[in-house]
PDB file of all heavy atoms in Angstrom:
ATOM      1  N   GLY A   1      52.649 -44.365   5.694  1.00  0.00           N
ATOM      2  CA  GLY A   1      53.654 -44.290   6.736  1.00  0.00           C
ATOM      3  C   GLY A   1      53.377 -43.296   7.832  1.00  0.00           C
ATOM      4  O   GLY A   1      54.219 -43.093   8.721  1.00  0.00           O
ATOM      5  N   LYS A   2      52.203 -42.666   7.799  1.00  0.00           N
ATOM      6  CA  LYS A   2      51.863 -41.657   8.801  1.00  0.00           C
ATOM      7  C   LYS A   2      50.603 -42.045   9.551  1.00  0.00           C
ATOM      8  O   LYS A   2      49.859 -42.922   9.125  1.00  0.00           O
ATOM      9  CB  LYS A   2      51.690 -40.293   8.132  1.00  0.00           C
ATOM     10  CG  LYS A   2      52.960 -39.748   7.494  1.00  0.00           C
ATOM     11  CD  LYS A   2      52.760 -38.337   6.993  1.00  0.00           C
ATOM     12  CE  LYS A   2      54.053 -37.769   6.426  1.00  0.00           C
ATOM     13  NZ  LYS A   2      53.880 -36.360   5.952  1.00  0.00           N
ATOM     14  N   GLN A   3      50.367 -41.393  10.656  1.00  0.00           N
ATOM     15  CA  GLN A   3      49.168 -41.659  11.437  1.00  0.00           C
ATOM     16  C   GLN A   3      47.956 -41.018  10.797  1.00  0.00           C
ATOM     17  O   GLN A   3      48.083 -40.148   9.944  1.00  0.00           O
ATOM     18  CB  GLN A   3      49.352 -41.122  12.858  1.00  0.00           C
ATOM     19  CG  GLN A   3      49.448 -39.598  12.925  1.00  0.00           C
ATOM     20  CD  GLN A   3      49.631 -39.091  14.341  1.00  0.00           C
ATOM     21  OE1 GLN A   3      49.943 -39.858  15.261  1.00  0.00           O
ATOM     22  NE2 GLN A   3      49.447 -37.807  14.561  1.00  0.00           N
ATOM     23  N   ARG A   4      46.788 -41.463  11.229  1.00  0.00           N
ATOM     24  CA  ARG A   4      45.549 -40.864  10.761  1.00  0.00           C
ATOM     25  C   ARG A   4      45.420 -39.465  11.333  1.00  0.00           C
ATOM     26  O   ARG A   4      45.595 -39.258  12.535  1.00  0.00           O
ATOM     27  CB  ARG A   4      44.360 -41.725  11.196  1.00  0.00           C
ATOM     28  CG  ARG A   4      43.038 -41.272  10.602  1.00  0.00           C
ATOM     29  CD  ARG A   4      41.877 -42.101  11.140  1.00  0.00           C
ATOM     30  NE  ARG A   4      41.480 -41.704  12.478  1.00  0.00           N
ATOM     31  CZ  ARG A   4      40.298 -41.978  13.024  1.00  0.00           C
ATOM     32  NH1 ARG A   4      39.404 -42.669  12.322  1.00  0.00           N
ATOM     33  NH2 ARG A   4      40.027 -41.594  14.257  1.00  0.00           N
ATOM     34  N   ASP A   5      45.099 -38.515  10.483  1.00  0.00           N
ATOM     35  CA  ASP A   5      44.967 -37.120  10.904  1.00  0.00           C
ATOM     36  C   ASP A   5      43.534 -36.629  10.741  1.00  0.00           C
ATOM     37  O   ASP A   5      42.860 -36.937   9.755  1.00  0.00           O
ATOM     38  CB  ASP A   5      45.886 -36.202  10.074  1.00  0.00           C
ATOM     39  CG  ASP A   5      47.344 -36.365  10.424  1.00  0.00           C
ATOM     40  OD1 ASP A   5      47.645 -36.750  11.567  1.00  0.00           O
ATOM     41  OD2 ASP A   5      48.186 -36.113   9.537  1.00  0.00           O
ATOM     42  N   PHE A   6      43.098 -35.827  11.677  1.00  0.00           N
ATOM     43  CA  PHE A   6      41.797 -35.180  11.604  1.00  0.00           C
ATOM     44  C   PHE A   6      41.804 -34.127  10.509  1.00  0.00           C
ATOM     45  O   PHE A   6      42.790 -33.391  10.352  1.00  0.00           O
ATOM     46  CB  PHE A   6      41.475 -34.541  12.952  1.00  0.00           C
ATOM     47  CG  PHE A   6      40.313 -33.597  12.913  1.00  0.00           C
ATOM     48  CD1 PHE A   6      39.017 -34.085  12.876  1.00  0.00           C
ATOM     49  CD2 PHE A   6      40.505 -32.224  12.910  1.00  0.00           C
ATOM     50  CE1 PHE A   6      37.937 -33.223  12.842  1.00  0.00           C
ATOM     51  CE2 PHE A   6      39.451 -31.355  12.886  1.00  0.00           C
ATOM     52  CZ  PHE A   6      38.155 -31.850  12.843  1.00  0.00           C
ATOM     53  N   VAL A   7      40.695 -34.035   9.764  1.00  0.00           N
ATOM     54  CA  VAL A   7      40.569 -33.028   8.721  1.00  0.00           C
ATOM     55  C   VAL A   7      39.451 -32.037   9.058  1.00  0.00           C
ATOM     56  O   VAL A   7      39.664 -30.828   9.104  1.00  0.00           O
ATOM     57  CB  VAL A   7      40.287 -33.668   7.353  1.00  0.00           C
ATOM     58  CG1 VAL A   7      40.046 -32.595   6.287  1.00  0.00           C
ATOM     59  CG2 VAL A   7      41.430 -34.582   6.942  1.00  0.00           C
ATOM     60  N   ALA A   8      38.229 -32.563   9.283  1.00  0.00           N
ATOM     61  CA  ALA A   8      37.079 -31.689   9.532  1.00  0.00           C
ATOM     62  C   ALA A   8      35.985 -32.481  10.217  1.00  0.00           C
ATOM     63  O   ALA A   8      35.885 -33.694  10.039  1.00  0.00           O
ATOM     64  CB  ALA A   8      36.559 -31.091   8.230  1.00  0.00           C
ATOM     65  N   ALA A   9      35.147 -31.780  11.009  1.00  0.00           N
ATOM     66  CA  ALA A   9      34.025 -32.415  11.692  1.00  0.00           C
ATOM     67  C   ALA A   9      32.807 -31.520  11.615  1.00  0.00           C
ATOM     68  O   ALA A   9      32.919 -30.298  11.497  1.00  0.00           O
ATOM     69  CB  ALA A   9      34.373 -32.719  13.149  1.00  0.00           C
ATOM     70  N   LEU A  10      31.650 -32.150  11.700  1.00  0.00           N
ATOM     71  CA  LEU A  10      30.367 -31.452  11.658  1.00  0.00           C
ATOM     72  C   LEU A  10      29.464 -32.004  12.750  1.00  0.00           C
ATOM     73  O   LEU A  10      29.321 -33.226  12.886  1.00  0.00           O
ATOM     74  CB  LEU A  10      29.724 -31.652  10.284  1.00  0.00           C
ATOM     75  CG  LEU A  10      28.376 -30.973  10.012  1.00  0.00           C
ATOM     76  CD1 LEU A  10      28.287 -30.584   8.547  1.00  0.00           C
ATOM     77  CD2 LEU A  10      27.205 -31.874  10.389  1.00  0.00           C
ATOM     78  N   ARG A  11      28.859 -31.115  13.524  1.00  0.00           N
ATOM     79  CA  ARG A  11      27.908 -31.511  14.568  1.00  0.00           C
ATOM     80  C   ARG A  11      26.500 -31.421  13.997  1.00  0.00           C
ATOM     81  O   ARG A  11      26.084 -30.375  13.519  1.00  0.00           O
ATOM     82  CB  ARG A  11      28.055 -30.607  15.790  1.00  0.00           C
ATOM     83  CG  ARG A  11      27.227 -31.015  16.980  1.00  0.00           C
ATOM     84  CD  ARG A  11      27.682 -30.298  18.237  1.00  0.00           C
ATOM     85  NE  ARG A  11      27.665 -28.855  18.084  1.00  0.00           N
ATOM     86  CZ  ARG A  11      28.364 -28.008  18.853  1.00  0.00           C
ATOM     87  NH1 ARG A  11      29.147 -28.484  19.807  1.00  0.00           N
ATOM     88  NH2 ARG A  11      28.296 -26.710  18.669  1.00  0.00           N
ATOM     89  N   LYS A  12      25.784 -32.517  14.051  1.00  0.00           N
ATOM     90  CA  LYS A  12      24.495 -32.605  13.375  1.00  0.00           C
ATOM     91  C   LYS A  12      23.456 -31.656  13.973  1.00  0.00           C
ATOM     92  O   LYS A  12      22.619 -31.124  13.247  1.00  0.00           O
ATOM     93  CB  LYS A  12      23.960 -34.036  13.447  1.00  0.00           C
ATOM     94  CG  LYS A  12      24.773 -35.056  12.692  1.00  0.00           C
ATOM     95  CD  LYS A  12      24.156 -36.438  12.873  1.00  0.00           C
ATOM     96  CE  LYS A  12      24.939 -37.509  12.169  1.00  0.00           C
ATOM     97  NZ  LYS A  12      24.346 -38.859  12.389  1.00  0.00           N
ATOM     98  N   SER A  13      23.488 -31.444  15.275  1.00  0.00           N
ATOM     99  CA  SER A  13      22.415 -30.696  15.937  1.00  0.00           C
ATOM    100  C   SER A  13      22.328 -29.247  15.480  1.00  0.00           C
ATOM    101  O   SER A  13      21.220 -28.694  15.380  1.00  0.00           O
ATOM    102  CB  SER A  13      22.618 -30.745  17.451  1.00  0.00           C
ATOM    103  OG  SER A  13      23.846 -30.128  17.796  1.00  0.00           O
ATOM    104  N   ASP A  14      23.457 -28.633  15.191  1.00  0.00           N
ATOM    105  CA  ASP A  14      23.449 -27.225  14.799  1.00  0.00           C
ATOM    106  C   ASP A  14      24.327 -26.922  13.592  1.00  0.00           C
ATOM    107  O   ASP A  14      24.563 -25.756  13.267  1.00  0.00           O
ATOM    108  CB  ASP A  14      23.886 -26.349  15.978  1.00  0.00           C
ATOM    109  CG  ASP A  14      25.271 -26.687  16.485  1.00  0.00           C
ATOM    110  OD1 ASP A  14      25.928 -27.586  15.909  1.00  0.00           O
ATOM    111  OD2 ASP A  14      25.714 -26.053  17.465  1.00  0.00           O
ATOM    112  N   GLU A  15      24.813 -27.968  12.940  1.00  0.00           N
ATOM    113  CA  GLU A  15      25.658 -27.839  11.742  1.00  0.00           C
ATOM    114  C   GLU A  15      26.968 -27.103  12.048  1.00  0.00           C
ATOM    115  O   GLU A  15      27.632 -26.622  11.131  1.00  0.00           O
ATOM    116  CB  GLU A  15      24.914 -27.119  10.620  1.00  0.00           C
ATOM    117  CG  GLU A  15      23.606 -27.771  10.207  1.00  0.00           C
ATOM    118  CD  GLU A  15      23.796 -29.144   9.558  1.00  0.00           C
ATOM    119  OE1 GLU A  15      24.747 -29.316   8.795  1.00  0.00           O
ATOM    120  OE2 GLU A  15      22.976 -30.045   9.849  1.00  0.00           O
ATOM    121  N   ASN A  16      27.350 -27.058  13.307  1.00  0.00           N
ATOM    122  CA  ASN A  16      28.632 -26.448  13.650  1.00  0.00           C
ATOM    123  C   ASN A  16      29.772 -27.264  13.055  1.00  0.00           C
ATOM    124  O   ASN A  16      29.700 -28.499  13.017  1.00  0.00           O
ATOM    125  CB  ASN A  16      28.781 -26.394  15.173  1.00  0.00           C
ATOM    126  CG  ASN A  16      30.010 -25.609  15.603  1.00  0.00           C
ATOM    127  OD1 ASN A  16      31.097 -26.173  15.733  1.00  0.00           O
ATOM    128  ND2 ASN A  16      29.848 -24.330  15.812  1.00  0.00           N
ATOM    129  N   THR A  17      30.801 -26.576  12.583  1.00  0.00           N
ATOM    130  CA  THR A  17      31.928 -27.271  11.956  1.00  0.00           C
ATOM    131  C   THR A  17      33.252 -26.816  12.559  1.00  0.00           C
ATOM    132  O   THR A  17      33.354 -25.723  13.127  1.00  0.00           O
ATOM    133  CB  THR A  17      31.969 -27.009  10.444  1.00  0.00           C
ATOM    134  OG1 THR A  17      32.066 -25.596  10.207  1.00  0.00           O
ATOM    135  CG2 THR A  17      30.731 -27.564   9.754  1.00  0.00           C
ATOM    136  N   ARG A  18      34.231 -27.679  12.460  1.00  0.00           N
ATOM    137  CA  ARG A  18      35.599 -27.314  12.861  1.00  0.00           C
ATOM    138  C   ARG A  18      36.564 -27.990  11.907  1.00  0.00           C
ATOM    139  O   ARG A  18      36.236 -29.031  11.322  1.00  0.00           O
ATOM    140  CB  ARG A  18      35.882 -27.702  14.317  1.00  0.00           C
ATOM    141  CG  ARG A  18      35.771 -29.176  14.630  1.00  0.00           C
ATOM    142  CD  ARG A  18      35.994 -29.442  16.132  1.00  0.00           C
ATOM    143  NE  ARG A  18      35.922 -30.865  16.445  1.00  0.00           N
ATOM    144  CZ  ARG A  18      36.984 -31.672  16.451  1.00  0.00           C
ATOM    145  NH1 ARG A  18      38.182 -31.207  16.151  1.00  0.00           N
ATOM    146  NH2 ARG A  18      36.840 -32.957  16.768  1.00  0.00           N
ATOM    147  N   TYR A  19      37.758 -27.406  11.792  1.00  0.00           N
ATOM    148  CA  TYR A  19      38.721 -27.869  10.798  1.00  0.00           C
ATOM    149  C   TYR A  19      40.129 -27.920  11.371  1.00  0.00           C
ATOM    150  O   TYR A  19      40.478 -27.160  12.282  1.00  0.00           O
ATOM    151  CB  TYR A  19      38.721 -26.914   9.595  1.00  0.00           C
ATOM    152  CG  TYR A  19      37.416 -26.849   8.854  1.00  0.00           C
ATOM    153  CD1 TYR A  19      36.431 -25.930   9.214  1.00  0.00           C
ATOM    154  CD2 TYR A  19      37.156 -27.721   7.798  1.00  0.00           C
ATOM    155  CE1 TYR A  19      35.222 -25.884   8.545  1.00  0.00           C
ATOM    156  CE2 TYR A  19      35.946 -27.680   7.120  1.00  0.00           C
ATOM    157  CZ  TYR A  19      34.985 -26.757   7.495  1.00  0.00           C
ATOM    158  OH  TYR A  19      33.783 -26.709   6.816  1.00  0.00           O
ATOM    159  N   ALA A  20      40.918 -28.788  10.787  1.00  0.00           N
ATOM    160  CA  ALA A  20      42.341 -28.769  11.084  1.00  0.00           C
ATOM    161  C   ALA A  20      42.923 -27.469  10.534  1.00  0.00           C
ATOM    162  O   ALA A  20      42.464 -26.964   9.502  1.00  0.00           O
ATOM    163  CB  ALA A  20      43.027 -29.968  10.439  1.00  0.00           C
ATOM    164  N   ASP A  21      43.918 -26.936  11.218  1.00  0.00           N
ATOM    165  CA  ASP A  21      44.510 -25.669  10.785  1.00  0.00           C
ATOM    166  C   ASP A  21      45.026 -25.747   9.349  1.00  0.00           C
ATOM    167  O   ASP A  21      44.975 -24.770   8.602  1.00  0.00           O
ATOM    168  CB  ASP A  21      45.648 -25.281  11.720  1.00  0.00           C
ATOM    169  CG  ASP A  21      45.147 -24.821  13.081  1.00  0.00           C
ATOM    170  OD1 ASP A  21      43.950 -24.488  13.196  1.00  0.00           O
ATOM    171  OD2 ASP A  21      45.961 -24.814  14.025  1.00  0.00           O
ATOM    172  N   SER A  22      45.504 -26.915   8.966  1.00  0.00           N
ATOM    173  CA  SER A  22      46.125 -27.065   7.651  1.00  0.00           C
ATOM    174  C   SER A  22      45.136 -26.966   6.498  1.00  0.00           C
ATOM    175  O   SER A  22      45.543 -26.766   5.351  1.00  0.00           O
ATOM    176  CB  SER A  22      46.853 -28.410   7.574  1.00  0.00           C
ATOM    177  OG  SER A  22      45.945 -29.476   7.796  1.00  0.00           O
ATOM    178  N   VAL A  23      43.831 -27.088   6.783  1.00  0.00           N
ATOM    179  CA  VAL A  23      42.841 -27.054   5.711  1.00  0.00           C
ATOM    180  C   VAL A  23      41.860 -25.901   5.840  1.00  0.00           C
ATOM    181  O   VAL A  23      41.005 -25.723   4.969  1.00  0.00           O
ATOM    182  CB  VAL A  23      42.073 -28.390   5.611  1.00  0.00           C
ATOM    183  CG1 VAL A  23      43.040 -29.557   5.494  1.00  0.00           C
ATOM    184  CG2 VAL A  23      41.113 -28.578   6.779  1.00  0.00           C
ATOM    185  N   LYS A  24      41.954 -25.126   6.897  1.00  0.00           N
ATOM    186  CA  LYS A  24      41.033 -24.010   7.103  1.00  0.00           C
ATOM    187  C   LYS A  24      41.078 -23.051   5.928  1.00  0.00           C
ATOM    188  O   LYS A  24      42.146 -22.686   5.448  1.00  0.00           O
ATOM    189  CB  LYS A  24      41.392 -23.270   8.388  1.00  0.00           C
ATOM    190  CG  LYS A  24      40.888 -23.913   9.646  1.00  0.00           C
ATOM    191  CD  LYS A  24      41.265 -23.088  10.874  1.00  0.00           C
ATOM    192  CE  LYS A  24      40.790 -23.749  12.151  1.00  0.00           C
ATOM    193  NZ  LYS A  24      41.220 -23.005  13.358  1.00  0.00           N
ATOM    194  N   GLY A  25      39.882 -22.658   5.481  1.00  0.00           N
ATOM    195  CA  GLY A  25      39.781 -21.738   4.362  1.00  0.00           C
ATOM    196  C   GLY A  25      39.853 -22.400   3.003  1.00  0.00           C
ATOM    197  O   GLY A  25      39.593 -21.749   1.983  1.00  0.00           O
ATOM    198  N   ARG A  26      40.202 -23.689   2.982  1.00  0.00           N
ATOM    199  CA  ARG A  26      40.302 -24.406   1.702  1.00  0.00           C
ATOM    200  C   ARG A  26      39.279 -25.537   1.611  1.00  0.00           C
ATOM    201  O   ARG A  26      38.787 -25.826   0.510  1.00  0.00           O
ATOM    202  CB  ARG A  26      41.707 -24.985   1.526  1.00  0.00           C
ATOM    203  CG  ARG A  26      42.815 -23.953   1.528  1.00  0.00           C
ATOM    204  CD  ARG A  26      44.163 -24.594   1.168  1.00  0.00           C
ATOM    205  NE  ARG A  26      44.589 -25.614   2.123  1.00  0.00           N
ATOM    206  CZ  ARG A  26      44.871 -26.875   1.778  1.00  0.00           C
ATOM    207  NH1 ARG A  26      44.740 -27.279   0.526  1.00  0.00           N
ATOM    208  NH2 ARG A  26      45.286 -27.731   2.706  1.00  0.00           N
ATOM    209  N   PHE A  27      38.976 -26.190   2.715  1.00  0.00           N
ATOM    210  CA  PHE A  27      38.060 -27.327   2.732  1.00  0.00           C
ATOM    211  C   PHE A  27      36.756 -26.932   3.416  1.00  0.00           C
ATOM    212  O   PHE A  27      36.754 -26.126   4.350  1.00  0.00           O
ATOM    213  CB  PHE A  27      38.663 -28.503   3.499  1.00  0.00           C
ATOM    214  CG  PHE A  27      39.830 -29.186   2.825  1.00  0.00           C
ATOM    215  CD1 PHE A  27      40.463 -28.636   1.715  1.00  0.00           C
ATOM    216  CD2 PHE A  27      40.311 -30.385   3.325  1.00  0.00           C
ATOM    217  CE1 PHE A  27      41.540 -29.265   1.113  1.00  0.00           C
ATOM    218  CE2 PHE A  27      41.383 -31.030   2.730  1.00  0.00           C
ATOM    219  CZ  PHE A  27      42.004 -30.463   1.636  1.00  0.00           C
ATOM    220  N   THR A  28      35.656 -27.565   2.969  1.00  0.00           N
ATOM    221  CA  THR A  28      34.351 -27.344   3.578  1.00  0.00           C
ATOM    222  C   THR A  28      33.637 -28.679   3.755  1.00  0.00           C
ATOM    223  O   THR A  28      33.459 -29.416   2.776  1.00  0.00           O
ATOM    224  CB  THR A  28      33.478 -26.422   2.718  1.00  0.00           C
ATOM    225  OG1 THR A  28      34.159 -25.170   2.523  1.00  0.00           O
ATOM    226  CG2 THR A  28      32.147 -26.156   3.400  1.00  0.00           C
ATOM    227  N   ILE A  29      33.233 -28.964   4.986  1.00  0.00           N
ATOM    228  CA  ILE A  29      32.471 -30.184   5.279  1.00  0.00           C
ATOM    229  C   ILE A  29      30.992 -29.825   5.288  1.00  0.00           C
ATOM    230  O   ILE A  29      30.594 -28.767   5.789  1.00  0.00           O
ATOM    231  CB  ILE A  29      32.913 -30.812   6.618  1.00  0.00           C
ATOM    232  CG1 ILE A  29      32.213 -32.149   6.841  1.00  0.00           C
ATOM    233  CG2 ILE A  29      32.680 -29.856   7.778  1.00  0.00           C
ATOM    234  CD1 ILE A  29      32.739 -32.929   8.057  1.00  0.00           C
ATOM    235  N   SER A  30      30.173 -30.715   4.732  1.00  0.00           N
ATOM    236  CA  SER A  30      28.731 -30.484   4.713  1.00  0.00           C
ATOM    237  C   SER A  30      28.021 -31.831   4.644  1.00  0.00           C
ATOM    238  O   SER A  30      28.648 -32.862   4.439  1.00  0.00           O
ATOM    239  CB  SER A  30      28.337 -29.604   3.524  1.00  0.00           C
ATOM    240  OG  SER A  30      28.635 -30.260   2.297  1.00  0.00           O
ATOM    241  N   ARG A  31      26.703 -31.800   4.784  1.00  0.00           N
ATOM    242  CA  ARG A  31      25.946 -33.046   4.703  1.00  0.00           C
ATOM    243  C   ARG A  31      24.598 -32.798   4.073  1.00  0.00           C
ATOM    244  O   ARG A  31      24.088 -31.678   4.042  1.00  0.00           O
ATOM    245  CB  ARG A  31      25.774 -33.663   6.089  1.00  0.00           C
ATOM    246  CG  ARG A  31      24.801 -32.902   6.994  1.00  0.00           C
ATOM    247  CD  ARG A  31      24.725 -33.521   8.367  1.00  0.00           C
ATOM    248  NE  ARG A  31      23.778 -32.808   9.227  1.00  0.00           N
ATOM    249  CZ  ARG A  31      22.728 -33.383   9.787  1.00  0.00           C
ATOM    250  NH1 ARG A  31      22.487 -34.674   9.591  1.00  0.00           N
ATOM    251  NH2 ARG A  31      21.915 -32.686  10.553  1.00  0.00           N
ATOM    252  N   ASP A  32      24.020 -33.873   3.536  1.00  0.00           N
ATOM    253  CA  ASP A  32      22.646 -33.872   3.043  1.00  0.00           C
ATOM    254  C   ASP A  32      21.911 -34.894   3.893  1.00  0.00           C
ATOM    255  O   ASP A  32      22.057 -36.108   3.673  1.00  0.00           O
ATOM    256  CB  ASP A  32      22.610 -34.233   1.563  1.00  0.00           C
ATOM    257  CG  ASP A  32      21.209 -34.132   0.974  1.00  0.00           C
ATOM    258  OD1 ASP A  32      20.232 -34.381   1.703  1.00  0.00           O
ATOM    259  OD2 ASP A  32      21.101 -33.817  -0.221  1.00  0.00           O
ATOM    260  N   ASN A  33      21.174 -34.422   4.866  1.00  0.00           N
ATOM    261  CA  ASN A  33      20.526 -35.311   5.815  1.00  0.00           C
ATOM    262  C   ASN A  33      19.518 -36.227   5.130  1.00  0.00           C
ATOM    263  O   ASN A  33      19.407 -37.406   5.462  1.00  0.00           O
ATOM    264  CB  ASN A  33      19.851 -34.491   6.906  1.00  0.00           C
ATOM    265  CG  ASN A  33      19.424 -35.342   8.076  1.00  0.00           C
ATOM    266  OD1 ASN A  33      20.095 -36.305   8.424  1.00  0.00           O
ATOM    267  ND2 ASN A  33      18.304 -35.008   8.684  1.00  0.00           N
ATOM    268  N   ALA A  34      18.787 -35.694   4.164  1.00  0.00           N
ATOM    269  CA  ALA A  34      17.767 -36.479   3.474  1.00  0.00           C
ATOM    270  C   ALA A  34      18.369 -37.661   2.727  1.00  0.00           C
ATOM    271  O   ALA A  34      17.770 -38.727   2.610  1.00  0.00           O
ATOM    272  CB  ALA A  34      16.983 -35.589   2.521  1.00  0.00           C
ATOM    273  N   LYS A  35      19.578 -37.448   2.187  1.00  0.00           N
ATOM    274  CA  LYS A  35      20.241 -38.499   1.411  1.00  0.00           C
ATOM    275  C   LYS A  35      21.213 -39.312   2.255  1.00  0.00           C
ATOM    276  O   LYS A  35      21.828 -40.245   1.739  1.00  0.00           O
ATOM    277  CB  LYS A  35      20.984 -37.882   0.231  1.00  0.00           C
ATOM    278  CG  LYS A  35      20.077 -37.188  -0.784  1.00  0.00           C
ATOM    279  CD  LYS A  35      20.899 -36.615  -1.931  1.00  0.00           C
ATOM    280  CE  LYS A  35      20.016 -35.922  -2.948  1.00  0.00           C
ATOM    281  NZ  LYS A  35      20.801 -35.348  -4.073  1.00  0.00           N
ATOM    282  N   ASN A  36      21.378 -38.916   3.530  1.00  0.00           N
ATOM    283  CA  ASN A  36      22.319 -39.597   4.411  1.00  0.00           C
ATOM    284  C   ASN A  36      23.725 -39.568   3.813  1.00  0.00           C
ATOM    285  O   ASN A  36      24.417 -40.595   3.793  1.00  0.00           O
ATOM    286  CB  ASN A  36      21.872 -41.034   4.679  1.00  0.00           C
ATOM    287  CG  ASN A  36      22.522 -41.620   5.911  1.00  0.00           C
ATOM    288  OD1 ASN A  36      22.960 -40.900   6.806  1.00  0.00           O
ATOM    289  ND2 ASN A  36      22.605 -42.933   5.959  1.00  0.00           N
ATOM    290  N   MET A  37      24.109 -38.403   3.332  1.00  0.00           N
ATOM    291  CA  MET A  37      25.409 -38.233   2.689  1.00  0.00           C
ATOM    292  C   MET A  37      26.239 -37.194   3.425  1.00  0.00           C
ATOM    293  O   MET A  37      25.725 -36.217   3.964  1.00  0.00           O
ATOM    294  CB  MET A  37      25.218 -37.768   1.244  1.00  0.00           C
ATOM    295  CG  MET A  37      24.528 -38.770   0.335  1.00  0.00           C
ATOM    296  SD  MET A  37      25.575 -40.180  -0.084  1.00  0.00           S
ATOM    297  CE  MET A  37      26.826 -39.381  -1.084  1.00  0.00           C
TER     298      MET A  37
END
């Protein structure tokens, strides 16, 4: 019943990340480039 909300993003070029205020300090976004995950 709610709209889609942003949680976290990662910029591939420098691994910079940003988070929604509601998840800062609790969630961590990351990637494994070799595994495309």
